[in-house]
């Protein structure tokens, strides 16, 4: 019994050493997300902090974020927004320490066209495009769709119609009409007088009277000379005719009386 005890110890020690060796050989890199937003708006940038262990020491790895429907709705930032199918060489990098672990931060966003809902999010890392990649456990993020802003309609600039300026017309200067100079009796008056003289038989004996200064200065409307002359001429004609008729009747009566005496 005494001689069998050391063999049991050696067997137990060999088993533990073998298990440790196998575990070390079969261990795979394991990234894990430690900081992420609980909710975001589609298109909003956010940071993802992750840890990675069991990596090769002092080695550069690439990392990118994946999420949403079929893990295609998340973009990773590296000088510009990169979609999930961009090349690994364009993705951001991080370097491990001597202990084969690392802690890094990358920027990501859900695509601006992502619809509202609870979305999955993971980190994927690899050493190069020819090496295997490793994913972190899934975390959930509440995404709110972006509200589209209405396109502003340009307002038309109102056209200001200039108010017409009223140009005042020049006030006409009243012209002073010259006072009519006194004139002689018009030709019509002369003609009327001539006709009257012809009726009376006095044309040859009468001379055209010269208008006096008083007559020249009087308006025709105030002194109707022609009407007065016509009236006077009519009276003369009537008187002459009456006188002639009287004489004729008297002469006939005288002759009748003589004839009676002779008889």
Protein backbone atom coordinates (compact mmCIF):
# COMPACT_ATOMS: atom_id res chain seq x y z
CA UNK A 1 0.00 0.00 0.00
CA UNK A 2 2.79 2.38 0.81
CA UNK A 3 4.44 1.92 -2.54
CA UNK A 4 1.16 2.57 -4.53
CA UNK A 5 0.48 6.07 -3.12
CA UNK A 6 3.11 7.96 -5.14
CA UNK A 7 1.79 6.40 -8.34
CA UNK A 8 -1.68 7.83 -7.67
CA UNK A 9 -0.25 11.31 -7.18
CA UNK A 10 1.74 11.09 -10.36
CA UNK A 11 -1.31 9.94 -12.26
CA UNK A 12 -3.42 12.83 -10.92
CA UNK A 13 -0.71 15.38 -11.71
CA UNK A 14 -0.40 14.08 -15.29
CA UNK A 15 -4.19 14.31 -15.80
CA UNK A 16 -4.35 17.93 -14.68
CA UNK A 17 -1.39 18.84 -16.84
CA UNK A 18 -2.96 17.15 -19.85
CA UNK A 19 -6.31 18.91 -19.32
CA UNK A 20 -4.60 22.26 -19.01
CA UNK A 21 -2.59 21.63 -22.15
CA UNK A 22 -5.64 20.57 -24.15
CA UNK A 23 -7.65 23.58 -22.93
CA UNK A 24 -4.88 25.93 -23.92
CA UNK A 25 -4.55 24.43 -27.38
CA UNK A 26 -8.30 24.37 -28.07
CA UNK A 27 -9.08 27.90 -26.65
CA UNK A 28 -10.34 30.33 -29.38
CA UNK A 29 -10.36 34.14 -29.38
CA UNK A 30 -13.50 35.51 -27.79
CA UNK A 31 -14.50 39.20 -28.32
CA UNK A 32 -17.22 40.60 -26.12
CA UNK A 33 -19.08 43.95 -26.19
CA UNK A 34 -18.87 45.77 -22.87
CA UNK A 35 -20.22 49.26 -23.74
CA UNK A 36 -23.02 50.05 -26.24
CA UNK A 37 -26.12 52.31 -26.37
CA UNK A 38 -29.46 50.93 -25.29
CA UNK A 39 -31.31 52.98 -27.94
CA UNK A 40 -30.34 55.05 -30.95
CA UNK A 41 -31.90 56.80 -33.93
CA UNK A 42 -31.22 55.41 -37.39
CA UNK A 43 -28.20 57.20 -38.80
CA UNK A 44 -26.94 58.27 -35.36
CA UNK A 45 -23.25 57.59 -34.63
CA UNK A 46 -22.36 55.68 -31.43
CA UNK A 47 -19.31 53.99 -29.83
CA UNK A 48 -18.84 50.29 -29.16
CA UNK A 49 -16.24 49.26 -26.55
CA UNK A 50 -15.21 45.58 -26.66
CA UNK A 51 -12.66 43.27 -25.12
CA UNK A 52 -10.90 40.35 -26.79
CA UNK A 53 -8.85 37.55 -25.24
CA UNK A 54 -6.96 34.40 -26.30
CA UNK A 55 -5.48 36.23 -29.27
CA UNK A 56 -1.94 36.10 -30.56
CA UNK A 57 0.27 38.47 -28.57
CA UNK A 58 1.43 41.73 -30.15
CA UNK A 59 -0.63 41.10 -33.25
CA UNK A 60 -2.82 43.48 -35.30
CA UNK A 61 -6.45 42.51 -35.83
CA UNK A 62 -9.33 44.07 -37.81
CA UNK A 63 -12.77 44.71 -36.32
CA UNK A 64 -16.19 45.75 -37.62
CA UNK A 65 -19.76 46.04 -36.31
CA UNK A 66 -22.69 44.04 -37.67
CA UNK A 67 -26.38 44.25 -36.84
CA UNK A 68 -29.98 44.58 -37.92
CA UNK A 69 -31.77 42.36 -40.42
CA UNK A 70 -29.34 39.66 -41.62
CA UNK A 71 -26.59 41.71 -39.94
CA UNK A 72 -26.55 44.11 -42.92
CA UNK A 73 -27.95 47.34 -41.39
CA UNK A 74 -24.90 48.55 -39.43
CA UNK A 75 -22.04 50.65 -40.86
CA UNK A 76 -18.52 50.96 -39.38
CA UNK A 77 -16.54 54.22 -39.38
CA UNK A 78 -12.93 54.39 -40.61
CA UNK A 79 -12.41 57.78 -42.29
CA UNK A 80 -15.79 57.13 -43.93
CA UNK A 81 -18.85 54.97 -43.38
CA UNK A 82 -18.19 51.37 -44.49
CA UNK A 83 -20.93 48.84 -45.08
CA UNK A 84 -20.72 45.31 -43.71
CA UNK A 85 -19.47 43.89 -47.03
CA UNK A 86 -16.51 46.26 -47.34
CA UNK A 87 -13.04 44.69 -47.46
CA UNK A 88 -11.32 43.75 -44.19
CA UNK A 89 -8.30 45.86 -45.06
CA UNK A 90 -10.47 49.01 -45.00
CA UNK A 91 -11.81 48.24 -41.48
CA UNK A 92 -10.36 49.78 -38.26
CA UNK A 93 -7.58 47.85 -36.46
CA UNK A 94 -6.37 47.17 -32.91
CA UNK A 95 -3.22 45.49 -31.51
CA UNK A 96 -3.00 42.89 -28.76
CA UNK A 97 -0.77 43.06 -25.74
CA UNK A 98 1.82 40.59 -24.45
CA UNK A 99 -0.95 38.78 -22.63
CA UNK A 100 -2.77 38.10 -25.97
CA UNK A 101 -5.70 40.35 -25.04
CA UNK A 102 -6.95 43.74 -26.09
CA UNK A 103 -9.58 46.38 -25.37
CA UNK A 104 -10.65 48.65 -28.22
CA UNK A 105 -13.37 51.11 -29.34
CA UNK A 106 -14.92 51.51 -32.78
CA UNK A 107 -17.60 53.85 -34.14
CA UNK A 108 -20.73 52.51 -35.77
CA UNK A 109 -24.27 53.48 -36.79
CA UNK A 110 -27.46 51.87 -37.98
CA UNK A 111 -28.13 52.74 -41.61
CA UNK A 112 -30.31 55.90 -41.96
CA UNK A 113 -32.98 53.81 -43.74
CA UNK A 114 -33.31 51.33 -40.86
CA UNK A 115 -36.88 50.90 -39.62
CA UNK A 116 -37.84 51.16 -35.97
CA UNK A 117 -37.51 48.08 -33.79
CA UNK A 118 -35.20 46.03 -31.58
CA UNK A 119 -32.05 45.17 -33.53
CA UNK A 120 -29.17 42.72 -32.90
CA UNK A 121 -25.60 43.99 -32.67
CA UNK A 122 -22.26 42.10 -32.66
CA UNK A 123 -18.52 42.69 -33.10
CA UNK A 124 -16.55 40.57 -35.59
CA UNK A 125 -12.74 40.39 -35.56
CA UNK A 126 -10.08 38.68 -37.70
CA UNK A 127 -6.37 38.88 -38.29
CA UNK A 128 -6.72 39.05 -42.08
CA UNK A 129 -9.16 38.16 -44.79
CA UNK A 130 -7.50 34.76 -45.15
CA UNK A 131 -7.89 33.90 -41.43
CA UNK A 132 -11.00 32.80 -39.56
CA UNK A 133 -13.17 35.49 -37.92
CA UNK A 134 -14.66 35.52 -34.42
CA UNK A 135 -17.99 37.04 -33.34
CA UNK A 136 -19.02 38.45 -30.00
CA UNK A 137 -22.24 37.43 -28.27
CA UNK A 138 -25.34 39.28 -29.53
CA UNK A 139 -26.63 42.37 -27.72
CA UNK A 140 -29.89 44.21 -28.47
CA UNK A 141 -30.37 47.89 -29.35
CA UNK A 142 -33.67 49.75 -29.71
CA UNK A 143 -33.62 51.66 -33.02
CA UNK A 144 -35.97 54.52 -33.92
CA UNK A 145 -36.48 55.29 -37.58
CA UNK A 146 -35.46 58.69 -38.82
CA UNK A 147 -38.35 61.09 -39.35
CA UNK A 148 -38.02 62.53 -42.82
CA UNK A 149 -38.12 66.28 -42.86
CA UNK A 150 -40.42 67.80 -45.46
CA UNK A 151 -38.64 69.36 -48.36
CA UNK A 152 -38.93 73.12 -47.97
CA UNK A 153 -40.81 74.73 -50.82
CA UNK A 154 -39.10 77.92 -51.95
CA UNK A 155 -41.36 80.90 -51.53
CA UNK A 156 -41.71 83.19 -54.40
CA UNK A 157 -40.47 86.67 -53.94
CA UNK A 158 -43.38 89.08 -54.32
CA UNK A 159 -42.97 91.49 -57.17
CA UNK A 160 -43.45 95.01 -55.94
CA UNK A 161 -45.34 97.05 -58.50
CA UNK A 162 -44.02 100.59 -58.43
CA UNK A 163 -46.64 103.17 -57.66
CA UNK A 164 -47.01 105.42 -60.68
CA UNK A 165 -45.92 108.96 -59.99
CA UNK A 166 -48.52 111.47 -60.97
CA UNK A 167 -46.85 114.30 -62.82
CA UNK A 168 -48.83 117.47 -62.25
CA UNK A 169 -49.85 119.17 -65.45
CA UNK A 170 -48.69 122.75 -65.76
CA UNK A 171 -51.41 125.22 -64.88
CA UNK A 172 -52.31 127.06 -68.06
CA UNK A 173 -51.62 130.76 -67.85
CA UNK A 174 -54.83 132.62 -68.63
CA UNK A 175 -54.46 134.76 -71.69
CA UNK A 176 -55.88 138.24 -71.50
CA UNK A 177 -58.07 138.76 -74.50
CA UNK A 178 -57.62 142.20 -75.94
CA UNK A 179 -60.61 144.41 -75.57
CA UNK A 180 -62.39 144.76 -78.84
CA UNK A 181 -61.73 148.14 -80.29
CA UNK A 182 -64.81 150.09 -81.20
CA UNK A 183 -65.66 149.46 -84.81
CA UNK A 184 -67.93 151.08 -87.21
CA UNK A 185 -71.35 149.78 -87.86
CA UNK A 186 -71.02 146.38 -89.49
CA UNK A 187 -71.44 145.83 -93.16
CA UNK A 188 -74.74 144.10 -92.45
CA UNK A 189 -76.02 147.29 -90.89
CA UNK A 190 -74.81 149.27 -93.89
CA UNK A 191 -76.55 146.81 -96.20
CA UNK A 192 -79.77 147.11 -94.21
CA UNK A 193 -79.55 150.89 -94.36
CA UNK A 194 -78.97 150.77 -98.07
CA UNK A 195 -82.03 148.54 -98.52
CA UNK A 196 -84.10 150.90 -96.41
CA UNK A 197 -82.91 153.93 -98.36
CA UNK A 198 -83.77 152.15 -101.58
CA UNK A 199 -87.31 151.48 -100.34
CA UNK A 200 -87.80 155.07 -99.25
CA UNK A 201 -86.34 156.42 -102.48
CA UNK A 202 -83.86 158.42 -100.58
CA UNK A 203 -80.64 156.60 -101.60
CA UNK A 204 -79.33 159.33 -103.83
CA UNK A 205 -80.15 162.14 -101.48
CA UNK A 206 -78.82 160.63 -98.36
CA UNK A 207 -75.19 160.14 -97.54
CA UNK A 208 -73.96 157.45 -95.18
CA UNK A 209 -73.72 159.12 -91.80
CA UNK A 210 -70.44 158.90 -90.04
CA UNK A 211 -70.78 157.07 -86.81
CA UNK A 212 -70.23 159.28 -83.84
CA UNK A 213 -67.77 158.29 -81.15
CA UNK A 214 -70.70 157.70 -78.84
CA UNK A 215 -72.33 155.24 -81.23
CA UNK A 216 -69.01 153.44 -81.78
CA UNK A 217 -68.56 152.76 -78.11
CA UNK A 218 -72.04 151.31 -77.59
CA UNK A 219 -72.63 147.58 -77.96
CA UNK A 220 -75.13 146.35 -80.54
CA UNK A 221 -77.06 144.55 -77.86
CA UNK A 222 -77.77 147.82 -75.99
CA UNK A 223 -78.64 149.99 -79.10
CA UNK A 224 -80.47 148.01 -81.85
CA UNK A 225 -79.92 150.65 -84.52
CA UNK A 226 -81.16 148.47 -87.38
CA UNK A 227 -84.50 147.77 -85.66
CA UNK A 228 -85.03 151.45 -84.93
CA UNK A 229 -84.29 152.38 -88.54
CA UNK A 230 -86.71 149.75 -89.79
CA UNK A 231 -89.46 151.06 -87.53
CA UNK A 232 -88.83 154.67 -88.55
CA UNK A 233 -88.72 153.70 -92.20
CA UNK A 234 -91.98 151.79 -91.86
CA UNK A 235 -93.68 154.75 -90.26
CA UNK A 236 -92.44 157.02 -93.04
CA UNK A 237 -93.71 154.59 -95.69
CA UNK A 238 -97.07 154.30 -94.00
CA UNK A 239 -97.31 158.07 -93.58
CA UNK A 240 -96.35 158.65 -97.20
CA UNK A 241 -98.82 156.08 -98.44
CA UNK A 242 -101.56 157.54 -96.26
CA UNK A 243 -100.78 161.04 -97.43
CA UNK A 244 -100.84 159.97 -101.07
CA UNK A 245 -104.14 158.14 -100.59
CA UNK A 246 -105.59 161.21 -98.86
CA UNK A 247 -104.57 163.49 -101.70
CA UNK A 248 -105.94 161.08 -104.27
CA UNK A 249 -109.28 160.83 -102.53
CA UNK A 250 -109.45 164.59 -102.16
CA UNK A 251 -108.66 165.12 -105.82
CA UNK A 252 -111.35 162.68 -106.88
CA UNK A 253 -113.89 164.45 -104.67
CA UNK A 254 -112.96 167.81 -106.18
CA UNK A 255 -113.40 166.52 -109.70
CA UNK A 256 -116.76 165.05 -108.87
CA UNK A 257 -117.95 168.35 -107.51
CA UNK A 258 -116.84 170.19 -110.67
CA UNK A 259 -118.64 167.72 -112.85
CA UNK A 260 -121.82 168.24 -110.89
CA UNK A 261 -121.62 172.01 -111.30
CA UNK A 262 -121.06 171.71 -115.02
CA UNK A 263 -124.00 169.42 -115.32
